[in-house]
PDB file of N, CA and C in Angstrom:
ATOM      1  N   MET A   1     -85.541 -26.218 -59.401  1.00  0.00           N
ATOM      2  CA  MET A   1     -84.792 -27.107 -58.538  1.00  0.00           C
ATOM      3  C   MET A   1     -83.416 -27.433 -59.129  1.00  0.00           C
ATOM      4  N   ILE A   2     -83.373 -27.740 -60.435  1.00  0.00           N
ATOM      5  CA  ILE A   2     -82.102 -28.051 -61.084  1.00  0.00           C
ATOM      6  C   ILE A   2     -81.236 -26.797 -61.144  1.00  0.00           C
ATOM      7  N   LYS A   3     -81.825 -25.665 -61.379  1.00  0.00           N
ATOM      8  CA  LYS A   3     -81.086 -24.421 -61.439  1.00  0.00           C
ATOM      9  C   LYS A   3     -80.437 -24.111 -60.088  1.00  0.00           C
ATOM     10  N   LYS A   4     -81.142 -24.367 -59.016  1.00  0.00           N
ATOM     11  CA  LYS A   4     -80.627 -24.115 -57.677  1.00  0.00           C
ATOM     12  C   LYS A   4     -79.453 -25.054 -57.354  1.00  0.00           C
ATOM     13  N   ALA A   5     -79.523 -26.300 -57.753  1.00  0.00           N
ATOM     14  CA  ALA A   5     -78.443 -27.261 -57.516  1.00  0.00           C
ATOM     15  C   ALA A   5     -77.197 -26.884 -58.326  1.00  0.00           C
ATOM     16  N   THR A   6     -77.370 -26.393 -59.537  1.00  0.00           N
ATOM     17  CA  THR A   6     -76.252 -25.990 -60.377  1.00  0.00           C
ATOM     18  C   THR A   6     -75.544 -24.780 -59.766  1.00  0.00           C
ATOM     19  N   GLN A   7     -76.281 -23.844 -59.233  1.00  0.00           N
ATOM     20  CA  GLN A   7     -75.677 -22.659 -58.613  1.00  0.00           C
ATOM     21  C   GLN A   7     -74.870 -23.049 -57.369  1.00  0.00           C
ATOM     22  N   THR A   8     -75.340 -24.019 -56.626  1.00  0.00           N
ATOM     23  CA  THR A   8     -74.632 -24.467 -55.436  1.00  0.00           C
ATOM     24  C   THR A   8     -73.326 -25.150 -55.821  1.00  0.00           C
ATOM     25  N   MET A   9     -73.318 -25.914 -56.874  1.00  0.00           N
ATOM     26  CA  MET A   9     -72.123 -26.635 -57.297  1.00  0.00           C
ATOM     27  C   MET A   9     -71.059 -25.689 -57.842  1.00  0.00           C
ATOM     28  N   LEU A  10     -71.422 -24.559 -58.414  1.00  0.00           N
ATOM     29  CA  LEU A  10     -70.469 -23.642 -59.008  1.00  0.00           C
ATOM     30  C   LEU A  10     -69.717 -22.817 -57.967  1.00  0.00           C
ATOM     31  N   LYS A  11     -70.134 -22.844 -56.728  1.00  0.00           N
ATOM     32  CA  LYS A  11     -69.487 -22.037 -55.712  1.00  0.00           C
ATOM     33  C   LYS A  11     -68.154 -22.608 -55.250  1.00  0.00           C
ATOM     34  N   GLY A  12     -67.924 -23.901 -55.378  1.00  0.00           N
ATOM     35  CA  GLY A  12     -66.704 -24.529 -54.884  1.00  0.00           C
ATOM     36  C   GLY A  12     -65.647 -24.657 -55.971  1.00  0.00           C
ATOM     37  N   PHE A  13     -64.470 -25.182 -55.576  1.00  0.00           N
ATOM     38  CA  PHE A  13     -63.378 -25.433 -56.510  1.00  0.00           C
ATOM     39  C   PHE A  13     -63.483 -26.860 -57.033  1.00  0.00           C
ATOM     40  N   THR A  14     -63.046 -27.036 -58.276  1.00  0.00           N
ATOM     41  CA  THR A  14     -63.026 -28.386 -58.825  1.00  0.00           C
ATOM     42  C   THR A  14     -61.704 -29.053 -58.455  1.00  0.00           C
ATOM     43  N   LEU A  15     -61.651 -30.346 -58.613  1.00  0.00           N
ATOM     44  CA  LEU A  15     -60.449 -31.096 -58.307  1.00  0.00           C
ATOM     45  C   LEU A  15     -59.289 -30.671 -59.209  1.00  0.00           C
ATOM     46  N   ILE A  16     -59.572 -30.385 -60.447  1.00  0.00           N
ATOM     47  CA  ILE A  16     -58.528 -29.960 -61.383  1.00  0.00           C
ATOM     48  C   ILE A  16     -57.944 -28.615 -60.959  1.00  0.00           C
ATOM     49  N   GLU A  17     -58.797 -27.696 -60.521  1.00  0.00           N
ATOM     50  CA  GLU A  17     -58.287 -26.402 -60.055  1.00  0.00           C
ATOM     51  C   GLU A  17     -57.389 -26.567 -58.829  1.00  0.00           C
ATOM     52  N   MET A  18     -57.763 -27.424 -57.928  1.00  0.00           N
ATOM     53  CA  MET A  18     -56.949 -27.684 -56.741  1.00  0.00           C
ATOM     54  C   MET A  18     -55.611 -28.317 -57.119  1.00  0.00           C
ATOM     55  N   LEU A  19     -55.608 -29.242 -58.059  1.00  0.00           N
ATOM     56  CA  LEU A  19     -54.371 -29.873 -58.504  1.00  0.00           C
ATOM     57  C   LEU A  19     -53.436 -28.865 -59.177  1.00  0.00           C
ATOM     58  N   VAL A  20     -53.996 -27.946 -59.938  1.00  0.00           N
ATOM     59  CA  VAL A  20     -53.181 -26.918 -60.595  1.00  0.00           C
ATOM     60  C   VAL A  20     -52.529 -26.018 -59.541  1.00  0.00           C
ATOM     61  N   VAL A  21     -53.283 -25.632 -58.529  1.00  0.00           N
ATOM     62  CA  VAL A  21     -52.735 -24.792 -57.460  1.00  0.00           C
ATOM     63  C   VAL A  21     -51.630 -25.539 -56.722  1.00  0.00           C
ATOM     64  N   ILE A  22     -51.827 -26.789 -56.400  1.00  0.00           N
ATOM     65  CA  ILE A  22     -50.802 -27.588 -55.714  1.00  0.00           C
ATOM     66  C   ILE A  22     -49.572 -27.737 -56.599  1.00  0.00           C
ATOM     67  N   LEU A  23     -49.750 -27.924 -57.889  1.00  0.00           N
ATOM     68  CA  LEU A  23     -48.626 -28.023 -58.827  1.00  0.00           C
ATOM     69  C   LEU A  23     -47.820 -26.727 -58.842  1.00  0.00           C
ATOM     70  N   ILE A  24     -48.487 -25.595 -58.881  1.00  0.00           N
ATOM     71  CA  ILE A  24     -47.792 -24.307 -58.898  1.00  0.00           C
ATOM     72  C   ILE A  24     -47.010 -24.101 -57.603  1.00  0.00           C
ATOM     73  N   ILE A  25     -47.611 -24.416 -56.477  1.00  0.00           N
ATOM     74  CA  ILE A  25     -46.934 -24.284 -55.191  1.00  0.00           C
ATOM     75  C   ILE A  25     -45.722 -25.210 -55.135  1.00  0.00           C
ATOM     76  N   SER A  26     -45.856 -26.408 -55.643  1.00  0.00           N
ATOM     77  CA  SER A  26     -44.731 -27.355 -55.646  1.00  0.00           C
ATOM     78  C   SER A  26     -43.570 -26.853 -56.495  1.00  0.00           C
ATOM     79  N   VAL A  27     -43.870 -26.304 -57.651  1.00  0.00           N
ATOM     80  CA  VAL A  27     -42.817 -25.776 -58.526  1.00  0.00           C
ATOM     81  C   VAL A  27     -42.106 -24.606 -57.844  1.00  0.00           C
ATOM     82  N   LEU A  28     -42.864 -23.731 -57.191  1.00  0.00           N
ATOM     83  CA  LEU A  28     -42.247 -22.611 -56.488  1.00  0.00           C
ATOM     84  C   LEU A  28     -41.348 -23.090 -55.351  1.00  0.00           C
ATOM     85  N   LEU A  29     -41.778 -24.099 -54.625  1.00  0.00           N
ATOM     86  CA  LEU A  29     -40.945 -24.655 -53.562  1.00  0.00           C
ATOM     87  C   LEU A  29     -39.663 -25.271 -54.114  1.00  0.00           C
ATOM     88  N   LEU A  30     -39.771 -25.958 -55.234  1.00  0.00           N
ATOM     89  CA  LEU A  30     -38.583 -26.553 -55.849  1.00  0.00           C
ATOM     90  C   LEU A  30     -37.585 -25.491 -56.306  1.00  0.00           C
ATOM     91  N   LEU A  31     -38.080 -24.323 -56.644  1.00  0.00           N
ATOM     92  CA  LEU A  31     -37.192 -23.246 -57.076  1.00  0.00           C
ATOM     93  C   LEU A  31     -36.532 -22.536 -55.902  1.00  0.00           C
ATOM     94  N   PHE A  32     -37.263 -22.366 -54.792  1.00  0.00           N
ATOM     95  CA  PHE A  32     -36.765 -21.531 -53.707  1.00  0.00           C
ATOM     96  C   PHE A  32     -36.050 -22.276 -52.599  1.00  0.00           C
ATOM     97  N   VAL A  33     -36.366 -23.515 -52.337  1.00  0.00           N
ATOM     98  CA  VAL A  33     -35.731 -24.242 -51.231  1.00  0.00           C
ATOM     99  C   VAL A  33     -34.230 -24.401 -51.435  1.00  0.00           C
ATOM    100  N   PRO A  34     -33.733 -24.807 -52.608  1.00  0.00           N
ATOM    101  CA  PRO A  34     -32.270 -24.889 -52.772  1.00  0.00           C
ATOM    102  C   PRO A  34     -31.582 -23.540 -52.588  1.00  0.00           C
ATOM    103  N   ASN A  35     -32.226 -22.466 -53.016  1.00  0.00           N
ATOM    104  CA  ASN A  35     -31.651 -21.135 -52.846  1.00  0.00           C
ATOM    105  C   ASN A  35     -31.563 -20.768 -51.369  1.00  0.00           C
ATOM    106  N   LEU A  36     -32.544 -21.150 -50.582  1.00  0.00           N
ATOM    107  CA  LEU A  36     -32.514 -20.860 -49.150  1.00  0.00           C
ATOM    108  C   LEU A  36     -31.380 -21.612 -48.459  1.00  0.00           C
ATOM    109  N   VAL A  37     -31.137 -22.828 -48.851  1.00  0.00           N
ATOM    110  CA  VAL A  37     -30.045 -23.609 -48.266  1.00  0.00           C
ATOM    111  C   VAL A  37     -28.709 -22.955 -48.604  1.00  0.00           C
ATOM    112  N   GLN A  38     -28.577 -22.496 -49.825  1.00  0.00           N
ATOM    113  CA  GLN A  38     -27.340 -21.835 -50.244  1.00  0.00           C
ATOM    114  C   GLN A  38     -27.154 -20.525 -49.470  1.00  0.00           C
ATOM    115  N   GLN A  39     -28.208 -19.778 -49.272  1.00  0.00           N
ATOM    116  CA  GLN A  39     -28.118 -18.527 -48.533  1.00  0.00           C
ATOM    117  C   GLN A  39     -27.741 -18.761 -47.076  1.00  0.00           C
ATOM    118  N   LYS A  40     -28.180 -19.872 -46.513  1.00  0.00           N
ATOM    119  CA  LYS A  40     -27.830 -20.198 -45.135  1.00  0.00           C
ATOM    120  C   LYS A  40     -26.322 -20.363 -45.001  1.00  0.00           C
ATOM    121  N   GLU A  41     -25.684 -20.982 -45.963  1.00  0.00           N
ATOM    122  CA  GLU A  41     -24.229 -21.157 -45.941  1.00  0.00           C
ATOM    123  C   GLU A  41     -23.518 -19.811 -46.089  1.00  0.00           C
ATOM    124  N   VAL A  42     -24.049 -18.925 -46.914  1.00  0.00           N
ATOM    125  CA  VAL A  42     -23.460 -17.598 -47.088  1.00  0.00           C
ATOM    126  C   VAL A  42     -23.542 -16.814 -45.780  1.00  0.00           C
ATOM    127  N   VAL A  43     -24.666 -16.898 -45.103  1.00  0.00           N
ATOM    128  CA  VAL A  43     -24.831 -16.207 -43.822  1.00  0.00           C
ATOM    129  C   VAL A  43     -23.869 -16.771 -42.780  1.00  0.00           C
ATOM    130  N   ARG A  44     -23.717 -18.078 -42.741  1.00  0.00           N
ATOM    131  CA  ARG A  44     -22.780 -18.697 -41.794  1.00  0.00           C
ATOM    132  C   ARG A  44     -21.355 -18.225 -42.063  1.00  0.00           C
ATOM    133  N   GLU A  45     -20.984 -18.142 -43.331  1.00  0.00           N
ATOM    134  CA  GLU A  45     -19.632 -17.709 -43.693  1.00  0.00           C
ATOM    135  C   GLU A  45     -19.393 -16.255 -43.285  1.00  0.00           C
ATOM    136  N   LYS A  46     -20.368 -15.400 -43.500  1.00  0.00           N
ATOM    137  CA  LYS A  46     -20.223 -13.996 -43.097  1.00  0.00           C
ATOM    138  C   LYS A  46     -20.181 -13.863 -41.578  1.00  0.00           C
ATOM    139  N   GLY A  47     -20.935 -14.681 -40.883  1.00  0.00           N
ATOM    140  CA  GLY A  47     -20.895 -14.676 -39.417  1.00  0.00           C
ATOM    141  C   GLY A  47     -19.531 -15.099 -38.898  1.00  0.00           C
ATOM    142  N   ASN A  48     -18.951 -16.121 -39.513  1.00  0.00           N
ATOM    143  CA  ASN A  48     -17.613 -16.567 -39.107  1.00  0.00           C
ATOM    144  C   ASN A  48     -16.566 -15.497 -39.396  1.00  0.00           C
ATOM    145  N   ALA A  49     -16.729 -14.765 -40.500  1.00  0.00           N
ATOM    146  CA  ALA A  49     -15.791 -13.680 -40.800  1.00  0.00           C
ATOM    147  C   ALA A  49     -15.887 -12.578 -39.748  1.00  0.00           C
ATOM    148  N   ALA A  50     -17.076 -12.310 -39.258  1.00  0.00           N
ATOM    149  CA  ALA A  50     -17.245 -11.317 -38.195  1.00  0.00           C
ATOM    150  C   ALA A  50     -16.624 -11.806 -36.897  1.00  0.00           C
ATOM    151  N   ILE A  51     -16.754 -13.096 -36.614  1.00  0.00           N
ATOM    152  CA  ILE A  51     -16.161 -13.662 -35.404  1.00  0.00           C
ATOM    153  C   ILE A  51     -14.641 -13.578 -35.465  1.00  0.00           C
ATOM    154  N   VAL A  52     -14.068 -13.744 -36.651  1.00  0.00           N
ATOM    155  CA  VAL A  52     -12.618 -13.615 -36.810  1.00  0.00           C
ATOM    156  C   VAL A  52     -12.170 -12.220 -36.375  1.00  0.00           C
ATOM    157  N   LYS A  53     -12.910 -11.211 -36.768  1.00  0.00           N
ATOM    158  CA  LYS A  53     -12.559  -9.841 -36.380  1.00  0.00           C
ATOM    159  C   LYS A  53     -12.670  -9.654 -34.868  1.00  0.00           C
ATOM    160  N   VAL A  54     -13.690 -10.251 -34.260  1.00  0.00           N
ATOM    161  CA  VAL A  54     -13.859 -10.150 -32.811  1.00  0.00           C
ATOM    162  C   VAL A  54     -12.685 -10.817 -32.095  1.00  0.00           C
ATOM    163  N   VAL A  55     -12.313 -12.009 -32.530  1.00  0.00           N
ATOM    164  CA  VAL A  55     -11.215 -12.742 -31.887  1.00  0.00           C
ATOM    165  C   VAL A  55      -9.911 -11.961 -32.030  1.00  0.00           C
ATOM    166  N   GLU A  56      -9.670 -11.410 -33.206  1.00  0.00           N
ATOM    167  CA  GLU A  56      -8.445 -10.643 -33.408  1.00  0.00           C
ATOM    168  C   GLU A  56      -8.432  -9.363 -32.573  1.00  0.00           C
ATOM    169  N   SER A  57      -9.584  -8.744 -32.414  1.00  0.00           N
ATOM    170  CA  SER A  57      -9.668  -7.562 -31.550  1.00  0.00           C
ATOM    171  C   SER A  57      -9.398  -7.930 -30.101  1.00  0.00           C
ATOM    172  N   GLN A  58      -9.957  -9.047 -29.661  1.00  0.00           N
ATOM    173  CA  GLN A  58      -9.727  -9.483 -28.291  1.00  0.00           C
ATOM    174  C   GLN A  58      -8.259  -9.857 -28.080  1.00  0.00           C
ATOM    175  N   ALA A  59      -7.603 -10.384 -29.108  1.00  0.00           N
ATOM    176  CA  ALA A  59      -6.175 -10.703 -29.008  1.00  0.00           C
ATOM    177  C   ALA A  59      -5.356  -9.427 -28.847  1.00  0.00           C
ATOM    178  N   GLU A  60      -5.742  -8.376 -29.549  1.00  0.00           N
ATOM    179  CA  GLU A  60      -5.042  -7.097 -29.404  1.00  0.00           C
ATOM    180  C   GLU A  60      -5.223  -6.533 -27.999  1.00  0.00           C
ATOM    181  N   ILE A  61      -6.422  -6.631 -27.458  1.00  0.00           N
ATOM    182  CA  ILE A  61      -6.672  -6.163 -26.093  1.00  0.00           C
ATOM    183  C   ILE A  61      -5.847  -6.970 -25.097  1.00  0.00           C
ATOM    184  N   TYR A  62      -5.768  -8.274 -25.329  1.00  0.00           N
ATOM    185  CA  TYR A  62      -4.963  -9.134 -24.457  1.00  0.00           C
ATOM    186  C   TYR A  62      -3.493  -8.710 -24.502  1.00  0.00           C
ATOM    187  N   GLN A  63      -2.999  -8.411 -25.693  1.00  0.00           N
ATOM    188  CA  GLN A  63      -1.597  -7.986 -25.828  1.00  0.00           C
ATOM    189  C   GLN A  63      -1.340  -6.674 -25.102  1.00  0.00           C
ATOM    190  N   LEU A  64      -2.322  -5.785 -25.094  1.00  0.00           N
ATOM    191  CA  LEU A  64      -2.152  -4.518 -24.383  1.00  0.00           C
ATOM    192  C   LEU A  64      -2.109  -4.725 -22.869  1.00  0.00           C
ATOM    193  N   ASN A  65      -2.893  -5.677 -22.380  1.00  0.00           N
ATOM    194  CA  ASN A  65      -2.967  -5.922 -20.937  1.00  0.00           C
ATOM    195  C   ASN A  65      -1.891  -6.861 -20.422  1.00  0.00           C
ATOM    196  N   HIS A  66      -1.355  -7.707 -21.263  1.00  0.00           N
ATOM    197  CA  HIS A  66      -0.347  -8.696 -20.865  1.00  0.00           C
ATOM    198  C   HIS A  66       0.854  -8.574 -21.787  1.00  0.00           C
ATOM    199  N   SER A  67       1.931  -9.159 -21.402  1.00  0.00           N
ATOM    200  CA  SER A  67       3.091  -9.155 -22.297  1.00  0.00           C
ATOM    201  C   SER A  67       3.062 -10.419 -23.139  1.00  0.00           C
ATOM    202  N   GLY A  68       3.138 -10.264 -24.436  1.00  0.00           N
ATOM    203  CA  GLY A  68       3.161 -11.418 -25.327  1.00  0.00           C
ATOM    204  C   GLY A  68       1.839 -11.624 -26.045  1.00  0.00           C
ATOM    205  N   ALA A  69       1.938 -12.356 -27.139  1.00  0.00           N
ATOM    206  CA  ALA A  69       0.759 -12.647 -27.954  1.00  0.00           C
ATOM    207  C   ALA A  69       0.023 -13.864 -27.399  1.00  0.00           C
ATOM    208  N   PRO A  70      -1.296 -13.815 -27.348  1.00  0.00           N
ATOM    209  CA  PRO A  70      -2.061 -14.943 -26.813  1.00  0.00           C
ATOM    210  C   PRO A  70      -2.345 -15.988 -27.883  1.00  0.00           C
ATOM    211  N   ASN A  71      -2.749 -17.160 -27.431  1.00  0.00           N
ATOM    212  CA  ASN A  71      -3.309 -18.148 -28.351  1.00  0.00           C
ATOM    213  C   ASN A  71      -4.790 -18.294 -28.012  1.00  0.00           C
ATOM    214  N   LEU A  72      -5.495 -19.099 -28.784  1.00  0.00           N
ATOM    215  CA  LEU A  72      -6.940 -19.237 -28.570  1.00  0.00           C
ATOM    216  C   LEU A  72      -7.262 -19.784 -27.186  1.00  0.00           C
ATOM    217  N   GLY A  73      -6.458 -20.732 -26.707  1.00  0.00           N
ATOM    218  CA  GLY A  73      -6.687 -21.315 -25.393  1.00  0.00           C
ATOM    219  C   GLY A  73      -6.598 -20.279 -24.281  1.00  0.00           C
ATOM    220  N   GLN A  74      -5.639 -19.370 -24.401  1.00  0.00           N
ATOM    221  CA  GLN A  74      -5.499 -18.326 -23.395  1.00  0.00           C
ATOM    222  C   GLN A  74      -6.680 -17.359 -23.431  1.00  0.00           C
ATOM    223  N   LEU A  75      -7.139 -17.017 -24.626  1.00  0.00           N
ATOM    224  CA  LEU A  75      -8.282 -16.111 -24.735  1.00  0.00           C
ATOM    225  C   LEU A  75      -9.541 -16.729 -24.140  1.00  0.00           C
ATOM    226  N   VAL A  76      -9.718 -18.033 -24.359  1.00  0.00           N
ATOM    227  CA  VAL A  76     -10.881 -18.718 -23.783  1.00  0.00           C
ATOM    228  C   VAL A  76     -10.735 -18.800 -22.268  1.00  0.00           C
ATOM    229  N   ALA A  77      -9.533 -19.108 -21.786  1.00  0.00           N
ATOM    230  CA  ALA A  77      -9.304 -19.223 -20.344  1.00  0.00           C
ATOM    231  C   ALA A  77      -9.509 -17.886 -19.639  1.00  0.00           C
ATOM    232  N   GLU A  78      -9.135 -16.798 -20.291  1.00  0.00           N
ATOM    233  CA  GLU A  78      -9.299 -15.456 -19.720  1.00  0.00           C
ATOM    234  C   GLU A  78     -10.723 -14.922 -19.928  1.00  0.00           C
ATOM    235  N   LYS A  79     -11.570 -15.695 -20.572  1.00  0.00           N
ATOM    236  CA  LYS A  79     -12.963 -15.338 -20.884  1.00  0.00           C
ATOM    237  C   LYS A  79     -13.055 -14.098 -21.768  1.00  0.00           C
ATOM    238  N   GLN A  80     -12.064 -13.946 -22.630  1.00  0.00           N
ATOM    239  CA  GLN A  80     -12.101 -12.881 -23.627  1.00  0.00           C
ATOM    240  C   GLN A  80     -13.013 -13.283 -24.784  1.00  0.00           C
ATOM    241  N   ILE A  81     -13.024 -14.587 -25.094  1.00  0.00           N
ATOM    242  CA  ILE A  81     -13.895 -15.129 -26.132  1.00  0.00           C
ATOM    243  C   ILE A  81     -14.500 -16.424 -25.606  1.00  0.00           C
ATOM    244  N   THR A  82     -15.551 -16.894 -26.284  1.00  0.00           N
ATOM    245  CA  THR A  82     -16.169 -18.168 -25.903  1.00  0.00           C
ATOM    246  C   THR A  82     -15.539 -19.308 -26.694  1.00  0.00           C
ATOM    247  N   LYS A  83     -15.803 -20.511 -26.256  1.00  0.00           N
ATOM    248  CA  LYS A  83     -15.300 -21.691 -26.971  1.00  0.00           C
ATOM    249  C   LYS A  83     -15.902 -21.763 -28.370  1.00  0.00           C
ATOM    250  N   GLU A  84     -17.161 -21.382 -28.498  1.00  0.00           N
ATOM    251  CA  GLU A  84     -17.815 -21.393 -29.816  1.00  0.00           C
ATOM    252  C   GLU A  84     -17.144 -20.411 -30.766  1.00  0.00           C
ATOM    253  N   GLN A  85     -16.736 -19.264 -30.251  1.00  0.00           N
ATOM    254  CA  GLN A  85     -16.035 -18.297 -31.094  1.00  0.00           C
ATOM    255  C   GLN A  85     -14.671 -18.841 -31.517  1.00  0.00           C
ATOM    256  N   ALA A  86     -13.990 -19.517 -30.603  1.00  0.00           N
ATOM    257  CA  ALA A  86     -12.701 -20.123 -30.945  1.00  0.00           C
ATOM    258  C   ALA A  86     -12.883 -21.199 -32.013  1.00  0.00           C
ATOM    259  N   ASP A  87     -13.925 -22.009 -31.880  1.00  0.00           N
ATOM    260  CA  ASP A  87     -14.195 -23.047 -32.885  1.00  0.00           C
ATOM    261  C   ASP A  87     -14.533 -22.434 -34.240  1.00  0.00           C
ATOM    262  N   ALA A  88     -15.325 -21.352 -34.242  1.00  0.00           N
ATOM    263  CA  ALA A  88     -15.674 -20.682 -35.495  1.00  0.00           C
ATOM    264  C   ALA A  88     -14.426 -20.072 -36.139  1.00  0.00           C
ATOM    265  N   TYR A  89     -13.516 -19.565 -35.309  1.00  0.00           N
ATOM    266  CA  TYR A  89     -12.252 -19.001 -35.805  1.00  0.00           C
ATOM    267  C   TYR A  89     -11.428 -20.081 -36.502  1.00  0.00           C
ATOM    268  N   ARG A  90     -11.335 -21.249 -35.858  1.00  0.00           N
ATOM    269  CA  ARG A  90     -10.600 -22.370 -36.469  1.00  0.00           C
ATOM    270  C   ARG A  90     -11.258 -22.815 -37.768  1.00  0.00           C
ATOM    271  N   ASP A  91     -12.586 -22.938 -37.756  1.00  0.00           N
ATOM    272  CA  ASP A  91     -13.315 -23.370 -38.953  1.00  0.00           C
ATOM    273  C   ASP A  91     -13.110 -22.401 -40.111  1.00  0.00           C
ATOM    274  N   TYR A  92     -13.107 -21.113 -39.802  1.00  0.00           N
ATOM    275  CA  TYR A  92     -12.917 -20.111 -40.851  1.00  0.00           C
ATOM    276  C   TYR A  92     -11.574 -20.306 -41.541  1.00  0.00           C
ATOM    277  N   TYR A  93     -10.529 -20.515 -40.749  1.00  0.00           N
ATOM    278  CA  TYR A  93      -9.198 -20.660 -41.352  1.00  0.00           C
ATOM    279  C   TYR A  93      -8.961 -22.044 -41.944  1.00  0.00           C
ATOM    280  N   LYS A  94      -9.769 -23.013 -41.597  1.00  0.00           N
ATOM    281  CA  LYS A  94      -9.702 -24.303 -42.306  1.00  0.00           C
ATOM    282  C   LYS A  94     -10.205 -24.130 -43.740  1.00  0.00           C
ATOM    283  N   LYS A  95     -11.266 -23.323 -43.893  1.00  0.00           N
ATOM    284  CA  LYS A  95     -11.829 -23.093 -45.224  1.00  0.00           C
ATOM    285  C   LYS A  95     -10.986 -22.102 -46.021  1.00  0.00           C
ATOM    286  N   HIS A  96     -10.313 -21.198 -45.335  1.00  0.00           N
ATOM    287  CA  HIS A  96      -9.507 -20.168 -45.994  1.00  0.00           C
ATOM    288  C   HIS A  96      -8.048 -20.380 -45.619  1.00  0.00           C
ATOM    289  N   SER A  97      -7.500 -21.471 -46.052  1.00  0.00           N
ATOM    290  CA  SER A  97      -6.143 -21.848 -45.648  1.00  0.00           C
ATOM    291  C   SER A  97      -5.073 -20.922 -46.224  1.00  0.00           C
ATOM    292  N   GLY A  98      -5.377 -20.152 -47.246  1.00  0.00           N
ATOM    293  CA  GLY A  98      -4.397 -19.263 -47.836  1.00  0.00           C
ATOM    294  C   GLY A  98      -4.139 -18.010 -46.995  1.00  0.00           C
ATOM    295  N   GLU A  99      -5.046 -17.691 -46.096  1.00  0.00           N
ATOM    296  CA  GLU A  99      -4.904 -16.489 -45.279  1.00  0.00           C
ATOM    297  C   GLU A  99      -4.079 -16.786 -44.038  1.00  0.00           C
ATOM    298  N   SER A 100      -3.385 -15.781 -43.544  1.00  0.00           N
ATOM    299  CA  SER A 100      -2.560 -15.980 -42.349  1.00  0.00           C
ATOM    300  C   SER A 100      -3.371 -15.692 -41.091  1.00  0.00           C
ATOM    301  N   ARG A 101      -3.174 -16.522 -40.092  1.00  0.00           N
ATOM    302  CA  ARG A 101      -3.896 -16.374 -38.833  1.00  0.00           C
ATOM    303  C   ARG A 101      -3.161 -15.416 -37.924  1.00  0.00           C
ATOM    304  N   VAL A 102      -3.917 -14.582 -37.244  1.00  0.00           N
ATOM    305  CA  VAL A 102      -3.340 -13.653 -36.288  1.00  0.00           C
ATOM    306  C   VAL A 102      -3.163 -14.326 -34.928  1.00  0.00           C
ATOM    307  N   VAL A 103      -4.144 -15.137 -34.537  1.00  0.00           N
ATOM    308  CA  VAL A 103      -4.116 -15.799 -33.238  1.00  0.00           C
ATOM    309  C   VAL A 103      -3.877 -17.293 -33.474  1.00  0.00           C
ATOM    310  N   PRO A 104      -2.791 -17.835 -32.953  1.00  0.00           N
ATOM    311  CA  PRO A 104      -2.531 -19.279 -33.134  1.00  0.00           C
ATOM    312  C   PRO A 104      -3.390 -20.114 -32.195  1.00  0.00           C
ATOM    313  N   ASP A 105      -3.407 -21.422 -32.470  1.00  0.00           N
ATOM    314  CA  ASP A 105      -4.117 -22.341 -31.568  1.00  0.00           C
ATOM    315  C   ASP A 105      -3.355 -22.413 -30.287  1.00  0.00           C
TER     316      ASP A 105
END
């Protein structure tokens, strides 16, 4: 009878084993969560750089179809770009103030 009860108790996890597993998971989360936040900013920056190329390409197309260089408002009004793309274009050049803008506001 005692032997049978001991075998049943050995099948489960002890509280200490569970605490060790939770500790390991917590340490891994502490290591990876800040890195994920940083990577999110890198992805946003690369996305904005791609949008800059799109806006500049659309400005070139506008110049071919019309006389004169467009501004962001004209591109949005002509539905060449979206308002979100125009905002991302502005944000990109706010962060990179040393670079020259092709399309003015």
